Structures are given as structure tokens and as C-alpha cells.
Amino acid sequence: MIDFIFGIGAAVLSGLGVGSGGLLVIYLTLIEGYEQIGAQGVNLLFFLFSSGSAMLYHLVHRKIYYSVVTTLIIFGLIGAASGTVLLELLGSRITRKIFGAMLIFSGILALRKSATAEVLKM
């Protein structure tokens, strides 16, 4: 039941624009005991379903730039393949530390951006 509640909460946060993928990975690794690579795989699967409505909206309203999408797909596939190889080489323990550092870094950047925006409003 707690998994269902957390999943709904993560979906709602995702719809509001909060990076809920990071929250899901943290929950799966700390609470559920998943290995980092497995948690990130579940996160990617969750993202596919949670972003479906946004994709449908943009398709219907013709807001998709196919030249950009093509470029992103090509580099995304290269990045995914490279990341998988690197993940296998580094192992779960180091990957978990890198993921945590990236979350902290992105959080600091988001806070800094928010603080700068508030100062500019004054």
C-alpha cells in the first residue's frame, strides 16, 4: 500500500514539474532496498508512463520539432549505451554516490536560480 501511495505522490509531483524521478530512485534504494541500477531502470519505466499525456498533448497541438527530436534520439541512444557500459564498470556502490552528488548539485543549482529570480523581482 505504501508503494502505491508513494507512486501516486511521485506522479502528482511529476505533473507539477517537480523532479520526482530523483525521489523515486531514493525511495527504491533506501526504503525498498533496490540496487541503484534497478531503481534507475524502474524510474525510467515510470517516466515513460508519466510523460505519455504530455507527449499526447504536444502531438495534438503540433508543438513537436522533429529535427530536434531526431537529434535528441540519436544522442540519447549513444548516451544510454555509454551509460550502461560505464555503470557496469563502476558498480552499484559508486553509482549510488555519483547519483547522490548529482542530486545535491542540481538541488543547489535550483535553489540558486530561485534565489536569483527572487532578487531580480525586487
Protein backbone atom coordinates (compact mmCIF):
# COMPACT_ATOMS: atom_id res chain seq x y z
CA MET A 1 0.00 0.00 0.00
CA ILE A 2 2.84 2.41 0.82
CA ASP A 3 4.31 1.74 -2.63
CA PHE A 4 1.02 2.71 -4.27
CA ILE A 5 0.73 5.90 -2.21
CA PHE A 6 4.31 6.87 -2.97
CA GLY A 7 3.78 6.15 -6.68
CA ILE A 8 0.70 8.39 -6.78
CA GLY A 9 2.57 11.10 -4.90
CA ALA A 10 5.51 10.90 -7.29
CA ALA A 11 3.13 11.09 -10.28
CA VAL A 12 1.41 14.18 -8.84
CA LEU A 13 4.76 15.86 -8.17
CA SER A 14 5.88 14.97 -11.69
CA GLY A 15 2.73 16.60 -13.09
CA LEU A 16 3.51 19.73 -11.09
CA GLY A 17 7.00 19.91 -12.58
CA VAL A 18 8.95 18.61 -9.59
CA GLY A 19 11.74 16.18 -10.47
CA SER A 20 10.01 13.23 -8.90
CA GLY A 21 12.30 10.73 -10.62
CA GLY A 22 15.01 11.51 -8.10
CA LEU A 23 12.53 10.95 -5.29
CA LEU A 24 11.51 7.60 -6.73
CA VAL A 25 15.10 6.40 -7.01
CA ILE A 26 15.80 7.48 -3.43
CA TYR A 27 12.68 5.68 -2.20
CA LEU A 28 13.50 2.50 -4.09
CA THR A 29 17.12 2.37 -2.90
CA LEU A 30 16.67 3.45 0.72
CA ILE A 31 13.24 2.05 1.61
CA GLU A 32 12.77 -0.87 -0.77
CA GLY A 33 16.44 -1.96 -0.92
CA TYR A 34 16.79 -1.92 -4.72
CA GLU A 35 20.26 -1.75 -6.25
CA GLN A 36 20.95 1.61 -7.87
CA ILE A 37 20.82 0.29 -11.44
CA GLY A 38 17.49 -1.45 -10.82
CA ALA A 39 15.99 1.64 -9.19
CA GLN A 40 17.05 3.79 -12.13
CA GLY A 41 15.52 1.26 -14.53
CA VAL A 42 12.20 1.39 -12.67
CA ASN A 43 12.44 5.18 -12.70
CA LEU A 44 12.85 5.21 -16.48
CA LEU A 45 9.84 2.92 -16.89
CA PHE A 46 7.81 5.18 -14.57
CA PHE A 47 8.86 8.21 -16.61
CA LEU A 48 7.66 6.64 -19.86
CA PHE A 49 4.15 6.25 -18.48
CA SER A 50 4.01 9.52 -16.57
CA SER A 51 5.09 11.55 -19.61
CA GLY A 52 2.61 9.94 -22.00
CA SER A 53 -0.09 12.56 -21.51
CA ALA A 54 2.36 15.39 -22.12
CA MET A 55 3.52 13.74 -25.33
CA LEU A 56 -0.07 13.28 -26.50
CA TYR A 57 -0.82 16.96 -25.80
CA HIS A 58 2.18 18.13 -27.81
CA LEU A 59 1.36 15.78 -30.70
CA VAL A 60 -2.23 17.02 -30.88
CA HIS A 61 -1.19 20.68 -30.70
CA ARG A 62 1.69 20.18 -33.18
CA LYS A 63 4.31 21.53 -30.79
CA ILE A 64 6.99 18.96 -31.61
CA TYR A 65 10.08 19.96 -33.58
CA TYR A 66 11.02 16.74 -35.30
CA SER A 67 14.56 17.86 -36.22
CA VAL A 68 15.27 18.45 -32.52
CA VAL A 69 13.61 15.15 -31.55
CA THR A 70 15.74 13.25 -34.09
CA THR A 71 18.94 14.78 -32.71
CA LEU A 72 17.89 14.01 -29.13
CA ILE A 73 17.06 10.40 -30.00
CA ILE A 74 20.44 9.84 -31.64
CA PHE A 75 22.43 11.31 -28.77
CA GLY A 76 20.10 9.71 -26.21
CA LEU A 77 20.81 6.25 -27.64
CA ILE A 78 24.55 6.93 -27.62
CA GLY A 79 24.33 8.20 -24.04
CA ALA A 80 22.23 5.24 -22.90
CA ALA A 81 24.66 2.73 -24.38
CA SER A 82 27.68 4.54 -22.95
CA GLY A 83 26.00 4.93 -19.57
CA THR A 84 25.15 1.24 -19.41
CA VAL A 85 28.75 0.25 -20.09
CA LEU A 86 30.03 2.78 -17.54
CA LEU A 87 27.50 1.60 -14.96
CA GLU A 88 28.66 -1.99 -15.33
CA LEU A 89 32.28 -0.91 -14.93
CA LEU A 90 31.71 1.29 -11.86
CA GLY A 91 29.28 -0.89 -9.94
CA SER A 92 26.27 -0.05 -7.83
CA ARG A 93 28.09 1.43 -4.83
CA ILE A 94 29.98 4.10 -6.77
CA THR A 95 26.98 4.79 -8.99
CA ARG A 96 24.82 5.46 -5.93
CA LYS A 97 27.35 8.02 -4.65
CA ILE A 98 27.55 9.73 -8.03
CA PHE A 99 23.74 9.88 -8.22
CA GLY A 100 23.55 11.40 -4.74
CA ALA A 101 26.16 14.01 -5.62
CA MET A 102 24.27 14.90 -8.79
CA LEU A 103 21.02 15.32 -6.83
CA ILE A 104 22.72 17.61 -4.33
CA PHE A 105 24.37 19.62 -7.11
CA SER A 106 21.14 20.02 -9.08
CA GLY A 107 19.30 21.00 -5.89
CA ILE A 108 21.88 23.69 -5.17
CA LEU A 109 21.54 24.99 -8.74
CA ALA A 110 17.74 25.07 -8.45
CA LEU A 111 17.90 26.95 -5.13
CA ARG A 112 20.43 29.38 -6.55
CA LYS A 113 18.26 30.01 -9.62
CA SER A 114 15.20 30.52 -7.44
CA ALA A 115 17.04 32.93 -5.15
CA THR A 116 18.36 34.89 -8.13
CA ALA A 117 14.86 35.15 -9.61
CA GLU A 118 13.53 36.47 -6.28
CA VAL A 119 16.27 39.10 -6.08
CA LEU A 120 15.53 40.23 -9.63
CA LYS A 121 11.81 40.65 -8.78
CA MET A 122 12.65 43.14 -6.04
